[in-house]
Every structure is written in structure tokens, then in C-alpha cells.
Amino acid sequence: MMTGLASRLLAVCAFSLTLGGCATTMPYGEEGRSADGAERPMLDRSPASQSEARAKINVELGTAYLEVGRFDIALDEARAALEHQAGYPPAFHLMGLVHMYVGDDNAARINFERALRGAPRDPDFNNSYGWFLCGTGNEQEGLQRLAVAARNPYYRHPTRAHANAGLCNLRIGERDAAREHFARAVNADPSNVQALYHLAEIDYERGNYPAARTSLVRLHQQVEPTAASAWLGLRTERKLGNREAEASYAEQLRGRFGDSAEVQLLRQGAFE
């Protein structure tokens, strides 16, 4: 999943989900596993055949279209991948992502599960399905999937799985576990601004204002403040007695986010 300061992750497309012979019943690509059962992401492996190589190209192209919101073309590329390589799990994963983003939960679930039947421990698949489950009221199962992704030694993006797990924990009120995951996300990738924001937010709630300030400074070194992060920064500096920094945040809020709810709270003096 993509990171940001809020939990948005990522057009209605008509597409048949009854592709004959596409689901596989045995793990796909045993050579991609380590001795402890961890799997390399399928798209990180070298294709085993020309047909798989063509399917991989289709999925990579479809993913690029997905990232710019062309869900229809992304689905076309996923279907083309399956024509080249029947049962190709990354194609089902791409379909699952598209259907998740357009709000077709049933189709998303079907395709994520098809992908995982072919590659049960693929970290990309587990991360995506875990986040989907967290967003559809199945947080505990989602956290289990995200844990599979996060601890996979081959996964190049453990920060994503930890950040998603932190957001999932927040949904069910598990703030201690959420903080641990956000900290791990930042350790894995110091540029994960979403995790930095939520670390600051939780530390502020706990009264650990110096830690909250540290996370916010790191955050704002990478991205411009949002209304939410500037408001959190203002309140943090206020707690620390840094009046100059507090005034700077107030100026940013009034100048850039004049119509925001945060500015209304500032005018009311509602700092808590």
C-alpha cells in the first residue's frame, strides 16, 4: 500500500470473475521460497518462461495505470496477463487492488484469495489483502496477513505492512500496538511520513511531547505541513512552551488553511 498523512490508500468497471481454469490449487513457483517457507514477491523473481515474462510485463503496466487511476486499463492488462499465463497470481492481485479501490469488495476478496492460493506467503499479496481485510471489518485476520508480509525477509517494503498494521490497530483501539508498528515502519523507512505523523499523534496523547516534536520535525523536513500536522505541531510546541514555534504554526494555519476545522479550533482556543 501507498503512504500519506491519512489512512487513504488507494470508474466502476464491468468484468467477469469466472475465468475458467485461472485459479491454481498448488503453490506457484516453489523456487521462490526459502527454507523457512518465506516467499519472494512473485514480481521480484525472474520469469520461468516467455509466457510468464509477457504476463509480468502486462501486470507491471497495469499497475502503472492503476497508480494514475486508470482502473479500466489496469483490468485489461490483468486479463491480458492471464491470457499469456493462466492462473498467474500477480494478475489476480492486480484485479483485487482495482476492485478494492473502486469499492467492489466481493470481487476484491475473490481475486486476492485467488492470488494467495497461487502464492500463499507472497508479501505483496498478504500486505494488500491484510489491508483490505482491515478496511472491511476483519481486523484480526487482516493483522495476521500483515504480520506475514512484515516478517518476510524478502519483502522490500516492510514499512508498508507495519504502517498498515498500525492503522488497523487504531481502528480497533489498540494504540500501544499501533505505536509499535508505526515505530517499526519508521525504522524500516525514515521517509514514511504517514507513520511519522501517527507516532507524533500517539506520543502527544501520552504526554511525550519531546518525542512528538521529534517526529513532527522529521515529517516536516520531508513534506509541507497539512492542516492536521500543523495543528498537532502547534499544540505540541505549546505544551513544550516554545512560543515562537507555536506562533509559526499558527501563522501557517491562518495563511494556508484559513477555512479548515483546525483554524476554527485555533480561533476558539480549543487546544485539547
C-alpha atoms as a PDB file:
ATOM      1  CA  MET A   1       0.000   0.000   0.000  1.00  0.00           C
ATOM      2  CA  MET A   2       0.997   3.899  -0.592  1.00  0.00           C
ATOM      3  CA  THR A   3       1.863   6.029   2.354  1.00  0.00           C
ATOM      4  CA  GLY A   4       0.483   9.604   3.270  1.00  0.00           C
ATOM      5  CA  LEU A   5      -0.678  11.549   6.343  1.00  0.00           C
ATOM      6  CA  ALA A   6      -4.050   9.956   6.422  1.00  0.00           C
ATOM      7  CA  SER A   7      -5.154   6.406   6.087  1.00  0.00           C
ATOM      8  CA  ARG A   8      -6.330   6.725   2.386  1.00  0.00           C
ATOM      9  CA  LEU A   9      -4.831   4.014   0.364  1.00  0.00           C
ATOM     10  CA  LEU A  10      -5.881   3.647  -2.522  1.00  0.00           C
ATOM     11  CA  ALA A  11     -14.781   4.159 -12.508  1.00  0.00           C
ATOM     12  CA  VAL A  12     -16.837   1.298 -11.972  1.00  0.00           C
ATOM     13  CA  CYS A  13     -15.587  -1.464 -14.249  1.00  0.00           C
ATOM     14  CA  ALA A  14     -17.614  -4.395 -15.522  1.00  0.00           C
ATOM     15  CA  PHE A  15     -15.526  -7.542 -15.545  1.00  0.00           C
ATOM     16  CA  SER A  16     -16.327 -11.225 -15.311  1.00  0.00           C
ATOM     17  CA  LEU A  17     -14.714 -13.056 -12.413  1.00  0.00           C
ATOM     18  CA  THR A  18     -15.483 -16.503 -13.765  1.00  0.00           C
ATOM     19  CA  LEU A  19     -12.330 -17.111 -15.774  1.00  0.00           C
ATOM     20  CA  GLY A  20     -12.228 -20.798 -16.432  1.00  0.00           C
ATOM     21  CA  GLY A  21      -9.083 -22.562 -15.302  1.00  0.00           C
ATOM     22  CA  CYS A  22      -7.446 -19.462 -13.793  1.00  0.00           C
ATOM     23  CA  ALA A  23      -7.235 -20.470 -10.150  1.00  0.00           C
ATOM     24  CA  THR A  24      -4.368 -22.698  -9.150  1.00  0.00           C
ATOM     25  CA  THR A  25      -4.544 -25.233  -6.370  1.00  0.00           C
ATOM     26  CA  MET A  26      -0.822 -25.709  -5.695  1.00  0.00           C
ATOM     27  CA  PRO A  27       1.726 -23.022  -4.693  1.00  0.00           C
ATOM     28  CA  TYR A  28       3.064 -21.305  -7.767  1.00  0.00           C
ATOM     29  CA  GLY A  29       6.821 -21.223  -8.133  1.00  0.00           C
ATOM     30  CA  GLU A  30       8.388 -23.339  -5.384  1.00  0.00           C
ATOM     31  CA  GLU A  31      11.808 -21.987  -6.344  1.00  0.00           C
ATOM     32  CA  GLY A  32      10.836 -18.652  -4.834  1.00  0.00           C
ATOM     33  CA  ARG A  33      10.779 -19.985  -1.279  1.00  0.00           C
ATOM     34  CA  SER A  34      13.368 -20.054   1.455  1.00  0.00           C
ATOM     35  CA  ALA A  35      13.916 -22.929   3.839  1.00  0.00           C
ATOM     36  CA  ASP A  36      11.617 -21.334   6.428  1.00  0.00           C
ATOM     37  CA  GLY A  37       8.746 -21.024   3.945  1.00  0.00           C
ATOM     38  CA  ALA A  38       9.070 -17.304   3.214  1.00  0.00           C
ATOM     39  CA  GLU A  39       8.369 -16.435  -0.404  1.00  0.00           C
ATOM     40  CA  ARG A  40       9.958 -13.820  -2.587  1.00  0.00           C
ATOM     41  CA  PRO A  41       7.409 -11.486  -4.163  1.00  0.00           C
ATOM     42  CA  MET A  42       6.481 -13.055  -7.473  1.00  0.00           C
ATOM     43  CA  LEU A  43       7.176  -9.874  -9.397  1.00  0.00           C
ATOM     44  CA  ASP A  44      10.711  -9.830  -7.987  1.00  0.00           C
ATOM     45  CA  ARG A  45      11.504 -13.243  -9.450  1.00  0.00           C
ATOM     46  CA  SER A  46      12.859 -13.979 -12.897  1.00  0.00           C
ATOM     47  CA  PRO A  47      10.096 -15.329 -15.146  1.00  0.00           C
ATOM     48  CA  ALA A  48      10.282 -19.065 -15.715  1.00  0.00           C
ATOM     49  CA  SER A  49       9.085 -18.873 -19.328  1.00  0.00           C
ATOM     50  CA  GLN A  50       8.404 -16.456 -22.140  1.00  0.00           C
ATOM     51  CA  SER A  51       4.681 -16.592 -21.448  1.00  0.00           C
ATOM     52  CA  GLU A  52       5.277 -15.687 -17.819  1.00  0.00           C
ATOM     53  CA  ALA A  53       7.602 -12.867 -18.884  1.00  0.00           C
ATOM     54  CA  ARG A  54       4.846 -11.428 -21.077  1.00  0.00           C
ATOM     55  CA  ALA A  55       2.337 -11.795 -18.244  1.00  0.00           C
ATOM     56  CA  LYS A  56       4.689  -9.980 -15.881  1.00  0.00           C
ATOM     57  CA  ILE A  57       5.008  -7.071 -18.317  1.00  0.00           C
ATOM     58  CA  ASN A  58       1.219  -6.818 -18.502  1.00  0.00           C
ATOM     59  CA  VAL A  59       0.914  -6.735 -14.713  1.00  0.00           C
ATOM     60  CA  GLU A  60       3.634  -4.110 -14.335  1.00  0.00           C
ATOM     61  CA  LEU A  61       1.986  -1.957 -16.989  1.00  0.00           C
ATOM     62  CA  GLY A  62      -1.421  -2.460 -15.379  1.00  0.00           C
ATOM     63  CA  THR A  63      -0.005  -1.422 -12.016  1.00  0.00           C
ATOM     64  CA  ALA A  64       1.287   1.798 -13.548  1.00  0.00           C
ATOM     65  CA  TYR A  65      -2.196   2.534 -14.902  1.00  0.00           C
ATOM     66  CA  LEU A  66      -3.690   1.698 -11.514  1.00  0.00           C
ATOM     67  CA  GLU A  67      -1.461   4.279  -9.849  1.00  0.00           C
ATOM     68  CA  VAL A  68      -2.853   7.043 -12.079  1.00  0.00           C
ATOM     69  CA  GLY A  69      -6.455   5.960 -11.627  1.00  0.00           C
ATOM     70  CA  ARG A  70      -6.995   4.219 -14.982  1.00  0.00           C
ATOM     71  CA  PHE A  71      -8.752   1.259 -13.443  1.00  0.00           C
ATOM     72  CA  ASP A  72     -10.295   0.090 -16.717  1.00  0.00           C
ATOM     73  CA  ILE A  73      -6.938  -0.241 -18.437  1.00  0.00           C
ATOM     74  CA  ALA A  74      -5.429  -1.869 -15.351  1.00  0.00           C
ATOM     75  CA  LEU A  75      -8.087  -4.578 -15.551  1.00  0.00           C
ATOM     76  CA  ASP A  76      -7.457  -5.014 -19.278  1.00  0.00           C
ATOM     77  CA  GLU A  77      -3.774  -5.576 -18.584  1.00  0.00           C
ATOM     78  CA  ALA A  78      -4.562  -8.089 -15.843  1.00  0.00           C
ATOM     79  CA  ARG A  79      -6.781 -10.021 -18.250  1.00  0.00           C
ATOM     80  CA  ALA A  80      -4.062  -9.911 -20.896  1.00  0.00           C
ATOM     81  CA  ALA A  81      -1.606 -11.331 -18.364  1.00  0.00           C
ATOM     82  CA  LEU A  82      -3.933 -14.266 -17.718  1.00  0.00           C
ATOM     83  CA  GLU A  83      -4.181 -14.918 -21.440  1.00  0.00           C
ATOM     84  CA  HIS A  84      -0.405 -15.275 -21.550  1.00  0.00           C
ATOM     85  CA  GLN A  85      -0.130 -17.268 -18.320  1.00  0.00           C
ATOM     86  CA  ALA A  86      -3.281 -18.903 -16.982  1.00  0.00           C
ATOM     87  CA  GLY A  87      -3.529 -18.716 -13.222  1.00  0.00           C
ATOM     88  CA  TYR A  88      -0.807 -16.060 -12.900  1.00  0.00           C
ATOM     89  CA  PRO A  89      -1.182 -14.878  -9.262  1.00  0.00           C
ATOM     90  CA  PRO A  90       0.076 -11.278  -9.754  1.00  0.00           C
ATOM     91  CA  ALA A  91      -2.725 -10.755 -12.289  1.00  0.00           C
ATOM     92  CA  PHE A  92      -5.315 -11.732  -9.685  1.00  0.00           C
ATOM     93  CA  HIS A  93      -3.589  -9.478  -7.164  1.00  0.00           C
ATOM     94  CA  LEU A  94      -3.840  -6.564  -9.582  1.00  0.00           C
ATOM     95  CA  MET A  95      -7.525  -7.295 -10.110  1.00  0.00           C
ATOM     96  CA  GLY A  96      -8.026  -7.389  -6.361  1.00  0.00           C
ATOM     97  CA  LEU A  97      -6.415  -3.974  -5.981  1.00  0.00           C
ATOM     98  CA  VAL A  98      -8.544  -2.452  -8.714  1.00  0.00           C
ATOM     99  CA  HIS A  99     -11.767  -3.809  -7.233  1.00  0.00           C
ATOM    100  CA  MET A 100     -10.725  -2.687  -3.753  1.00  0.00           C
ATOM    101  CA  TYR A 101     -10.121   0.866  -4.949  1.00  0.00           C
ATOM    102  CA  VAL A 102     -13.462   1.076  -6.762  1.00  0.00           C
ATOM    103  CA  GLY A 103     -15.332  -0.366  -3.785  1.00  0.00           C
ATOM    104  CA  ASP A 104     -16.315  -3.779  -5.150  1.00  0.00           C
ATOM    105  CA  ASP A 105     -15.443  -5.689  -2.003  1.00  0.00           C
ATOM    106  CA  ASN A 106     -16.722  -9.078  -3.127  1.00  0.00           C
ATOM    107  CA  ALA A 107     -14.711  -9.047  -6.340  1.00  0.00           C
ATOM    108  CA  ALA A 108     -11.657  -7.773  -4.460  1.00  0.00           C
ATOM    109  CA  ARG A 109     -11.866 -10.600  -1.950  1.00  0.00           C
ATOM    110  CA  ILE A 110     -12.270 -13.254  -4.655  1.00  0.00           C
ATOM    111  CA  ASN A 111      -9.224 -12.060  -6.547  1.00  0.00           C
ATOM    112  CA  PHE A 112      -6.983 -11.566  -3.523  1.00  0.00           C
ATOM    113  CA  GLU A 113      -7.807 -15.111  -2.442  1.00  0.00           C
ATOM    114  CA  ARG A 114      -7.076 -16.425  -5.928  1.00  0.00           C
ATOM    115  CA  ALA A 115      -3.675 -14.726  -5.839  1.00  0.00           C
ATOM    116  CA  LEU A 116      -2.917 -16.209  -2.428  1.00  0.00           C
ATOM    117  CA  ARG A 117      -3.916 -19.707  -3.468  1.00  0.00           C
ATOM    118  CA  GLY A 118      -1.141 -19.491  -6.029  1.00  0.00           C
ATOM    119  CA  ALA A 119       1.445 -17.878  -3.720  1.00  0.00           C
ATOM    120  CA  PRO A 120       0.263 -18.159  -0.097  1.00  0.00           C
ATOM    121  CA  ARG A 121       3.159 -16.294   1.501  1.00  0.00           C
ATOM    122  CA  ASP A 122       3.866 -13.662  -1.118  1.00  0.00           C
ATOM    123  CA  PRO A 123       4.392 -10.497   0.969  1.00  0.00           C
ATOM    124  CA  ASP A 124       2.825  -8.143  -1.579  1.00  0.00           C
ATOM    125  CA  PHE A 125      -0.327 -10.245  -1.705  1.00  0.00           C
ATOM    126  CA  ASN A 126      -0.523 -10.579   2.078  1.00  0.00           C
ATOM    127  CA  ASN A 127       0.013  -6.860   2.598  1.00  0.00           C
ATOM    128  CA  SER A 128      -2.745  -5.909   0.161  1.00  0.00           C
ATOM    129  CA  TYR A 129      -5.220  -8.493   1.409  1.00  0.00           C
ATOM    130  CA  GLY A 130      -4.400  -7.659   5.012  1.00  0.00           C
ATOM    131  CA  TRP A 131      -5.185  -4.008   4.434  1.00  0.00           C
ATOM    132  CA  PHE A 132      -8.371  -4.914   2.590  1.00  0.00           C
ATOM    133  CA  LEU A 133      -9.491  -7.098   5.500  1.00  0.00           C
ATOM    134  CA  CYS A 134      -8.757  -4.322   7.986  1.00  0.00           C
ATOM    135  CA  GLY A 135     -10.922  -1.969   5.972  1.00  0.00           C
ATOM    136  CA  THR A 136     -13.850  -4.363   5.777  1.00  0.00           C
ATOM    137  CA  GLY A 137     -14.284  -5.202   9.444  1.00  0.00           C
ATOM    138  CA  ASN A 138     -11.951  -8.199   9.613  1.00  0.00           C
ATOM    139  CA  GLU A 139      -9.149  -6.543  11.543  1.00  0.00           C
ATOM    140  CA  GLN A 140      -7.749  -9.580  13.355  1.00  0.00           C
ATOM    141  CA  GLU A 141      -7.414 -11.631  10.181  1.00  0.00           C
ATOM    142  CA  GLY A 142      -6.022  -8.567   8.456  1.00  0.00           C
ATOM    143  CA  LEU A 143      -3.365  -8.136  11.134  1.00  0.00           C
ATOM    144  CA  GLN A 144      -2.344 -11.762  10.694  1.00  0.00           C
ATOM    145  CA  ARG A 145      -1.878 -11.218   6.961  1.00  0.00           C
ATOM    146  CA  LEU A 146       0.090  -8.028   7.541  1.00  0.00           C
ATOM    147  CA  ALA A 147       2.344  -9.852  10.003  1.00  0.00           C
ATOM    148  CA  VAL A 148       3.149 -12.445   7.337  1.00  0.00           C
ATOM    149  CA  ALA A 149       4.200  -9.646   4.992  1.00  0.00           C
ATOM    150  CA  ALA A 150       6.149  -7.638   7.577  1.00  0.00           C
ATOM    151  CA  ARG A 151       8.325 -10.506   8.742  1.00  0.00           C
ATOM    152  CA  ASN A 152       9.160 -11.807   5.277  1.00  0.00           C
ATOM    153  CA  PRO A 153      12.925 -11.316   4.811  1.00  0.00           C
ATOM    154  CA  TYR A 154      12.469 -10.898   1.056  1.00  0.00           C
ATOM    155  CA  TYR A 155       9.948  -8.061   1.296  1.00  0.00           C
ATOM    156  CA  ARG A 156      11.422  -4.789   0.113  1.00  0.00           C
ATOM    157  CA  HIS A 157       8.645  -2.723   1.729  1.00  0.00           C
ATOM    158  CA  PRO A 158       8.139  -3.891   5.330  1.00  0.00           C
ATOM    159  CA  THR A 159       7.403  -0.270   6.195  1.00  0.00           C
ATOM    160  CA  ARG A 160       4.116  -0.572   4.299  1.00  0.00           C
ATOM    161  CA  ALA A 161       2.981  -3.642   6.197  1.00  0.00           C
ATOM    162  CA  HIS A 162       3.892  -2.085   9.558  1.00  0.00           C
ATOM    163  CA  ALA A 163       2.152   1.198   8.730  1.00  0.00           C
ATOM    164  CA  ASN A 164      -0.942  -0.677   7.591  1.00  0.00           C
ATOM    165  CA  ALA A 165      -0.880  -2.769  10.757  1.00  0.00           C
ATOM    166  CA  GLY A 166      -0.626   0.413  12.829  1.00  0.00           C
ATOM    167  CA  LEU A 167      -3.661   1.877  11.098  1.00  0.00           C
ATOM    168  CA  CYS A 168      -5.504  -1.402  11.582  1.00  0.00           C
ATOM    169  CA  ASN A 169      -4.672  -1.360  15.295  1.00  0.00           C
ATOM    170  CA  LEU A 170      -6.003   2.196  15.528  1.00  0.00           C
ATOM    171  CA  ARG A 171      -9.306   1.074  14.052  1.00  0.00           C
ATOM    172  CA  ILE A 172      -9.837  -1.293  16.980  1.00  0.00           C
ATOM    173  CA  GLY A 173      -8.422   0.950  19.672  1.00  0.00           C
ATOM    174  CA  GLU A 174      -5.117  -0.871  20.183  1.00  0.00           C
ATOM    175  CA  ARG A 175      -2.946   2.228  20.453  1.00  0.00           C
ATOM    176  CA  ASP A 176       0.057   0.572  22.117  1.00  0.00           C
ATOM    177  CA  ALA A 177       0.305  -1.975  19.309  1.00  0.00           C
ATOM    178  CA  ALA A 178      -0.284   0.790  16.770  1.00  0.00           C
ATOM    179  CA  ARG A 179       2.610   2.819  18.125  1.00  0.00           C
ATOM    180  CA  GLU A 180       4.913  -0.195  17.975  1.00  0.00           C
ATOM    181  CA  HIS A 181       4.051  -0.776  14.332  1.00  0.00           C
ATOM    182  CA  PHE A 182       4.472   2.883  13.395  1.00  0.00           C
ATOM    183  CA  ALA A 183       7.873   2.901  15.086  1.00  0.00           C
ATOM    184  CA  ARG A 184       8.882  -0.201  13.143  1.00  0.00           C
ATOM    185  CA  ALA A 185       7.618   1.396   9.936  1.00  0.00           C
ATOM    186  CA  VAL A 186       9.835   4.434  10.555  1.00  0.00           C
ATOM    187  CA  ASN A 187      12.807   2.236  11.441  1.00  0.00           C
ATOM    188  CA  ALA A 188      12.369   0.401   8.146  1.00  0.00           C
ATOM    189  CA  ASP A 189      11.922   3.634   6.181  1.00  0.00           C
ATOM    190  CA  PRO A 190      12.560   7.010   7.851  1.00  0.00           C
ATOM    191  CA  SER A 191      10.706   8.714   4.990  1.00  0.00           C
ATOM    192  CA  ASN A 192       7.372   7.071   5.878  1.00  0.00           C
ATOM    193  CA  VAL A 193       5.521  10.291   6.612  1.00  0.00           C
ATOM    194  CA  GLN A 194       2.271   8.539   7.476  1.00  0.00           C
ATOM    195  CA  ALA A 195       3.941   6.573  10.254  1.00  0.00           C
ATOM    196  CA  LEU A 196       5.769   9.681  11.496  1.00  0.00           C
ATOM    197  CA  TYR A 197       2.504  11.579  11.805  1.00  0.00           C
ATOM    198  CA  HIS A 198       0.776   8.856  13.761  1.00  0.00           C
ATOM    199  CA  LEU A 199       3.802   8.375  16.008  1.00  0.00           C
ATOM    200  CA  ALA A 200       3.637  12.071  16.836  1.00  0.00           C
ATOM    201  CA  GLU A 201      -0.099  11.917  17.421  1.00  0.00           C
ATOM    202  CA  ILE A 202       0.149   8.974  19.832  1.00  0.00           C
ATOM    203  CA  ASP A 203       3.119  10.431  21.690  1.00  0.00           C
ATOM    204  CA  TYR A 204       1.239  13.715  22.082  1.00  0.00           C
ATOM    205  CA  GLU A 205      -1.736  11.863  23.556  1.00  0.00           C
ATOM    206  CA  ARG A 206       0.618  10.152  26.008  1.00  0.00           C
ATOM    207  CA  GLY A 207       2.196  13.422  27.073  1.00  0.00           C
ATOM    208  CA  ASN A 208       5.546  12.579  25.498  1.00  0.00           C
ATOM    209  CA  TYR A 209       5.817  15.983  23.832  1.00  0.00           C
ATOM    210  CA  PRO A 210       9.552  15.888  23.028  1.00  0.00           C
ATOM    211  CA  ALA A 211       9.086  12.628  21.111  1.00  0.00           C
ATOM    212  CA  ALA A 212       6.058  14.050  19.318  1.00  0.00           C
ATOM    213  CA  ARG A 213       8.075  17.112  18.338  1.00  0.00           C
ATOM    214  CA  THR A 214      10.931  14.957  17.018  1.00  0.00           C
ATOM    215  CA  SER A 215       8.574  13.024  14.749  1.00  0.00           C
ATOM    216  CA  LEU A 216       6.910  16.196  13.501  1.00  0.00           C
ATOM    217  CA  VAL A 217      10.227  17.864  12.731  1.00  0.00           C
ATOM    218  CA  ARG A 218      11.268  14.788  10.721  1.00  0.00           C
ATOM    219  CA  LEU A 219       7.902  14.797   8.993  1.00  0.00           C
ATOM    220  CA  HIS A 220       8.021  18.460   8.029  1.00  0.00           C
ATOM    221  CA  GLN A 221      11.564  18.147   6.748  1.00  0.00           C
ATOM    222  CA  GLN A 222      10.143  15.861   4.051  1.00  0.00           C
ATOM    223  CA  VAL A 223       6.707  17.255   3.235  1.00  0.00           C
ATOM    224  CA  GLU A 224       4.837  20.507   3.657  1.00  0.00           C
ATOM    225  CA  PRO A 225       2.580  20.613   6.717  1.00  0.00           C
ATOM    226  CA  THR A 226      -1.057  19.743   6.324  1.00  0.00           C
ATOM    227  CA  ALA A 227      -3.713  21.408   8.454  1.00  0.00           C
ATOM    228  CA  ALA A 228      -3.720  18.342  10.711  1.00  0.00           C
ATOM    229  CA  SER A 229       0.059  18.134  11.130  1.00  0.00           C
ATOM    230  CA  ALA A 230       0.429  21.906  11.628  1.00  0.00           C
ATOM    231  CA  TRP A 231      -2.285  21.852  14.287  1.00  0.00           C
ATOM    232  CA  LEU A 232      -0.580  18.947  16.033  1.00  0.00           C
ATOM    233  CA  GLY A 233       2.721  20.812  15.778  1.00  0.00           C
ATOM    234  CA  LEU A 234       1.204  23.958  17.251  1.00  0.00           C
ATOM    235  CA  ARG A 235      -0.246  22.108  20.234  1.00  0.00           C
ATOM    236  CA  THR A 236       2.993  20.208  20.778  1.00  0.00           C
ATOM    237  CA  GLU A 237       5.087  23.369  20.819  1.00  0.00           C
ATOM    238  CA  ARG A 238       2.528  24.983  23.124  1.00  0.00           C
ATOM    239  CA  LYS A 239       2.918  22.119  25.593  1.00  0.00           C
ATOM    240  CA  LEU A 240       6.694  22.492  25.428  1.00  0.00           C
ATOM    241  CA  GLY A 241       6.483  26.249  25.976  1.00  0.00           C
ATOM    242  CA  ASN A 242       8.079  27.089  22.614  1.00  0.00           C
ATOM    243  CA  ARG A 243       6.047  30.206  21.868  1.00  0.00           C
ATOM    244  CA  GLU A 244       7.949  31.204  18.751  1.00  0.00           C
ATOM    245  CA  ALA A 245       7.421  27.801  17.133  1.00  0.00           C
ATOM    246  CA  GLU A 246       3.794  27.817  18.258  1.00  0.00           C
ATOM    247  CA  ALA A 247       3.284  31.207  16.612  1.00  0.00           C
ATOM    248  CA  SER A 248       4.927  29.959  13.413  1.00  0.00           C
ATOM    249  CA  TYR A 249       2.485  27.081  13.172  1.00  0.00           C
ATOM    250  CA  ALA A 250      -0.426  29.418  13.887  1.00  0.00           C
ATOM    251  CA  GLU A 251       0.691  31.685  11.049  1.00  0.00           C
ATOM    252  CA  GLN A 252       0.898  28.725   8.677  1.00  0.00           C
ATOM    253  CA  LEU A 253      -2.574  27.570   9.650  1.00  0.00           C
ATOM    254  CA  ARG A 254      -4.146  31.000   9.140  1.00  0.00           C
ATOM    255  CA  GLY A 255      -2.264  31.652   5.925  1.00  0.00           C
ATOM    256  CA  ARG A 256      -2.673  28.310   4.183  1.00  0.00           C
ATOM    257  CA  PHE A 257      -5.668  26.626   5.787  1.00  0.00           C
ATOM    258  CA  GLY A 258      -7.968  29.514   6.666  1.00  0.00           C
ATOM    259  CA  ASP A 259     -11.174  27.556   6.072  1.00  0.00           C
ATOM    260  CA  SER A 260     -10.069  24.436   7.917  1.00  0.00           C
ATOM    261  CA  ALA A 261     -11.578  22.984  11.065  1.00  0.00           C
ATOM    262  CA  GLU A 262      -8.166  23.368  12.703  1.00  0.00           C
ATOM    263  CA  VAL A 263      -8.221  27.137  12.242  1.00  0.00           C
ATOM    264  CA  GLN A 264     -11.678  27.258  13.783  1.00  0.00           C
ATOM    265  CA  LEU A 265     -10.319  25.394  16.814  1.00  0.00           C
ATOM    266  CA  LEU A 266      -7.398  27.814  16.973  1.00  0.00           C
ATOM    267  CA  ARG A 267      -9.745  30.796  16.995  1.00  0.00           C
ATOM    268  CA  GLN A 268     -11.778  29.194  19.757  1.00  0.00           C
ATOM    269  CA  GLY A 269      -8.684  28.397  21.785  1.00  0.00           C
ATOM    270  CA  ALA A 270      -9.744  24.734  21.830  1.00  0.00           C
ATOM    271  CA  PHE A 271      -6.277  23.234  22.076  1.00  0.00           C
ATOM    272  CA  GLU A 272      -7.422  19.967  23.670  1.00  0.00           C
END
